[in-house]
Amino acid sequence: MNFTLIDYTAFGLWVLISIFISYVLINRLKFFKGDKNIQKVLTWGLILGHLLYLIWKYIFLKILGN
């Protein structure tokens, strides 16, 4: 199983989307009272969540034998 360019592109775009989502939620909508530390945690949580998905995809495809 090889990761394709689409996988890498999707992850790269998700990093940017995660930063944008956390910025909007924390700074614009004032969730969590605009705390910058929460913004960093939210950003990393979104990025690591997507990375966990890619790891799960890799393991799942190995189990299926692809």
N, C-alpha and C. Protein backbone atom coordinates (compact mmCIF):
# COMPACT_ATOMS: atom_id res chain seq x y z
N MET A 1 0.85 -1.18 0.00
CA MET A 1 0.00 0.00 0.00
C MET A 1 0.89 1.23 0.00
N ASN A 2 0.67 2.08 -0.93
CA ASN A 2 1.42 3.33 -1.01
C ASN A 2 0.46 4.50 -0.84
N PHE A 3 0.94 5.50 -0.17
CA PHE A 3 0.16 6.73 -0.10
C PHE A 3 0.31 7.44 -1.43
N THR A 4 -0.77 7.99 -1.88
CA THR A 4 -0.76 8.68 -3.16
C THR A 4 -0.55 10.18 -2.95
N LEU A 5 -0.37 10.86 -4.04
CA LEU A 5 -0.25 12.31 -3.99
C LEU A 5 -1.51 12.93 -3.39
N ILE A 6 -2.65 12.30 -3.65
CA ILE A 6 -3.92 12.80 -3.09
C ILE A 6 -3.89 12.72 -1.57
N ASP A 7 -3.36 11.64 -1.00
CA ASP A 7 -3.25 11.51 0.46
C ASP A 7 -2.39 12.62 1.05
N TYR A 8 -1.24 12.84 0.44
CA TYR A 8 -0.33 13.88 0.95
C TYR A 8 -0.93 15.27 0.78
N THR A 9 -1.59 15.50 -0.34
CA THR A 9 -2.22 16.79 -0.58
C THR A 9 -3.35 17.03 0.41
N ALA A 10 -4.15 16.00 0.64
CA ALA A 10 -5.27 16.11 1.59
C ALA A 10 -4.74 16.44 2.99
N PHE A 11 -3.66 15.80 3.39
CA PHE A 11 -3.10 16.08 4.71
C PHE A 11 -2.56 17.50 4.78
N GLY A 12 -1.85 17.92 3.75
CA GLY A 12 -1.32 19.29 3.72
C GLY A 12 -2.43 20.33 3.77
N LEU A 13 -3.49 20.10 3.02
CA LEU A 13 -4.63 21.02 3.06
C LEU A 13 -5.31 20.98 4.43
N TRP A 14 -5.38 19.80 5.04
CA TRP A 14 -6.02 19.69 6.35
C TRP A 14 -5.26 20.49 7.41
N VAL A 15 -3.94 20.54 7.30
CA VAL A 15 -3.15 21.35 8.23
C VAL A 15 -3.58 22.82 8.13
N LEU A 16 -3.69 23.31 6.90
CA LEU A 16 -4.11 24.70 6.71
C LEU A 16 -5.55 24.93 7.18
N ILE A 17 -6.43 23.98 6.87
CA ILE A 17 -7.83 24.08 7.30
C ILE A 17 -7.92 24.07 8.82
N SER A 18 -7.12 23.24 9.48
CA SER A 18 -7.12 23.16 10.94
C SER A 18 -6.71 24.48 11.57
N ILE A 19 -5.69 25.10 11.01
CA ILE A 19 -5.25 26.40 11.52
C ILE A 19 -6.36 27.42 11.34
N PHE A 20 -7.00 27.43 10.19
CA PHE A 20 -8.07 28.36 9.92
C PHE A 20 -9.27 28.14 10.84
N ILE A 21 -9.69 26.89 11.01
CA ILE A 21 -10.83 26.56 11.87
C ILE A 21 -10.56 27.02 13.30
N SER A 22 -9.39 26.71 13.82
CA SER A 22 -9.08 27.09 15.20
C SER A 22 -9.00 28.61 15.34
N TYR A 23 -8.47 29.29 14.33
CA TYR A 23 -8.40 30.75 14.37
C TYR A 23 -9.81 31.35 14.42
N VAL A 24 -10.69 30.87 13.56
CA VAL A 24 -12.06 31.39 13.52
C VAL A 24 -12.79 31.11 14.82
N LEU A 25 -12.69 29.89 15.32
CA LEU A 25 -13.41 29.53 16.55
C LEU A 25 -12.91 30.32 17.76
N ILE A 26 -11.61 30.47 17.88
CA ILE A 26 -11.04 31.10 19.07
C ILE A 26 -11.04 32.63 18.96
N ASN A 27 -10.54 33.16 17.86
CA ASN A 27 -10.37 34.62 17.75
C ASN A 27 -11.62 35.35 17.28
N ARG A 28 -12.32 34.80 16.33
CA ARG A 28 -13.48 35.50 15.77
C ARG A 28 -14.76 35.23 16.57
N LEU A 29 -14.99 33.98 16.92
CA LEU A 29 -16.22 33.62 17.63
C LEU A 29 -16.04 33.62 19.14
N LYS A 30 -14.82 33.85 19.59
CA LYS A 30 -14.48 33.98 21.02
C LYS A 30 -14.84 32.73 21.84
N PHE A 31 -14.72 31.56 21.22
CA PHE A 31 -14.87 30.34 22.00
C PHE A 31 -13.71 30.27 23.00
N PHE A 32 -13.94 29.73 24.15
CA PHE A 32 -12.93 29.57 25.20
C PHE A 32 -12.29 30.92 25.56
N LYS A 33 -13.04 31.97 25.43
CA LYS A 33 -12.62 33.33 25.80
C LYS A 33 -11.38 33.81 25.04
N GLY A 34 -11.18 33.29 23.84
CA GLY A 34 -10.07 33.75 23.00
C GLY A 34 -8.69 33.34 23.47
N ASP A 35 -8.60 32.28 24.27
CA ASP A 35 -7.32 31.82 24.83
C ASP A 35 -6.41 31.25 23.73
N LYS A 36 -5.23 31.81 23.59
CA LYS A 36 -4.27 31.38 22.55
C LYS A 36 -3.78 29.95 22.78
N ASN A 37 -3.64 29.55 24.05
CA ASN A 37 -3.20 28.18 24.33
C ASN A 37 -4.24 27.17 23.85
N ILE A 38 -5.51 27.50 24.04
CA ILE A 38 -6.58 26.61 23.57
C ILE A 38 -6.55 26.55 22.04
N GLN A 39 -6.25 27.67 21.40
CA GLN A 39 -6.17 27.69 19.94
C GLN A 39 -5.08 26.73 19.46
N LYS A 40 -3.92 26.74 20.13
CA LYS A 40 -2.84 25.83 19.75
C LYS A 40 -3.23 24.37 19.97
N VAL A 41 -3.87 24.10 21.11
CA VAL A 41 -4.29 22.73 21.41
C VAL A 41 -5.32 22.25 20.39
N LEU A 42 -6.27 23.10 20.05
CA LEU A 42 -7.28 22.75 19.06
C LEU A 42 -6.66 22.48 17.70
N THR A 43 -5.72 23.32 17.30
CA THR A 43 -5.05 23.12 16.02
C THR A 43 -4.31 21.80 15.99
N TRP A 44 -3.52 21.54 17.03
CA TRP A 44 -2.78 20.27 17.08
C TRP A 44 -3.71 19.07 17.17
N GLY A 45 -4.81 19.22 17.88
CA GLY A 45 -5.78 18.13 17.97
C GLY A 45 -6.38 17.79 16.62
N LEU A 46 -6.72 18.81 15.85
CA LEU A 46 -7.27 18.57 14.52
C LEU A 46 -6.24 17.92 13.60
N ILE A 47 -5.00 18.41 13.66
CA ILE A 47 -3.95 17.85 12.81
C ILE A 47 -3.64 16.41 13.22
N LEU A 48 -3.48 16.16 14.50
CA LEU A 48 -3.16 14.80 14.96
C LEU A 48 -4.31 13.83 14.72
N GLY A 49 -5.54 14.35 14.78
CA GLY A 49 -6.70 13.50 14.47
C GLY A 49 -6.65 13.03 13.03
N HIS A 50 -6.28 13.90 12.12
CA HIS A 50 -6.18 13.50 10.72
C HIS A 50 -5.00 12.56 10.50
N LEU A 51 -3.91 12.80 11.19
CA LEU A 51 -2.76 11.90 11.10
C LEU A 51 -3.12 10.51 11.62
N LEU A 52 -3.90 10.45 12.69
CA LEU A 52 -4.36 9.17 13.21
C LEU A 52 -5.22 8.44 12.18
N TYR A 53 -6.04 9.19 11.45
CA TYR A 53 -6.83 8.59 10.37
C TYR A 53 -5.91 7.97 9.32
N LEU A 54 -4.85 8.68 8.92
CA LEU A 54 -3.94 8.14 7.91
C LEU A 54 -3.25 6.87 8.40
N ILE A 55 -2.91 6.84 9.68
CA ILE A 55 -2.30 5.63 10.25
C ILE A 55 -3.29 4.49 10.24
N TRP A 56 -4.55 4.78 10.62
CA TRP A 56 -5.59 3.76 10.61
C TRP A 56 -5.81 3.24 9.19
N LYS A 57 -5.81 4.12 8.21
CA LYS A 57 -5.99 3.72 6.82
C LYS A 57 -4.88 2.76 6.42
N TYR A 58 -3.64 3.08 6.77
CA TYR A 58 -2.51 2.24 6.45
C TYR A 58 -2.65 0.85 7.08
N ILE A 59 -3.00 0.81 8.36
CA ILE A 59 -3.15 -0.47 9.07
C ILE A 59 -4.31 -1.26 8.48
N PHE A 60 -5.42 -0.62 8.22
CA PHE A 60 -6.60 -1.29 7.68
C PHE A 60 -6.30 -1.91 6.32
N LEU A 61 -5.59 -1.17 5.47
CA LEU A 61 -5.26 -1.71 4.14
C LEU A 61 -4.24 -2.85 4.25
N LYS A 62 -3.35 -2.79 5.24
CA LYS A 62 -2.41 -3.90 5.47
C LYS A 62 -3.18 -5.17 5.89
N ILE A 63 -4.19 -4.97 6.75
CA ILE A 63 -5.01 -6.11 7.20
C ILE A 63 -5.74 -6.74 6.01
N LEU A 64 -6.25 -5.89 5.12
CA LEU A 64 -6.96 -6.40 3.94
C LEU A 64 -6.01 -7.00 2.90
N GLY A 65 -4.73 -6.73 3.05
CA GLY A 65 -3.74 -7.31 2.16
C GLY A 65 -3.51 -6.52 0.88
N ASN A 66 -3.84 -5.23 0.90
CA ASN A 66 -3.64 -4.40 -0.30
C ASN A 66 -2.31 -3.71 -0.21
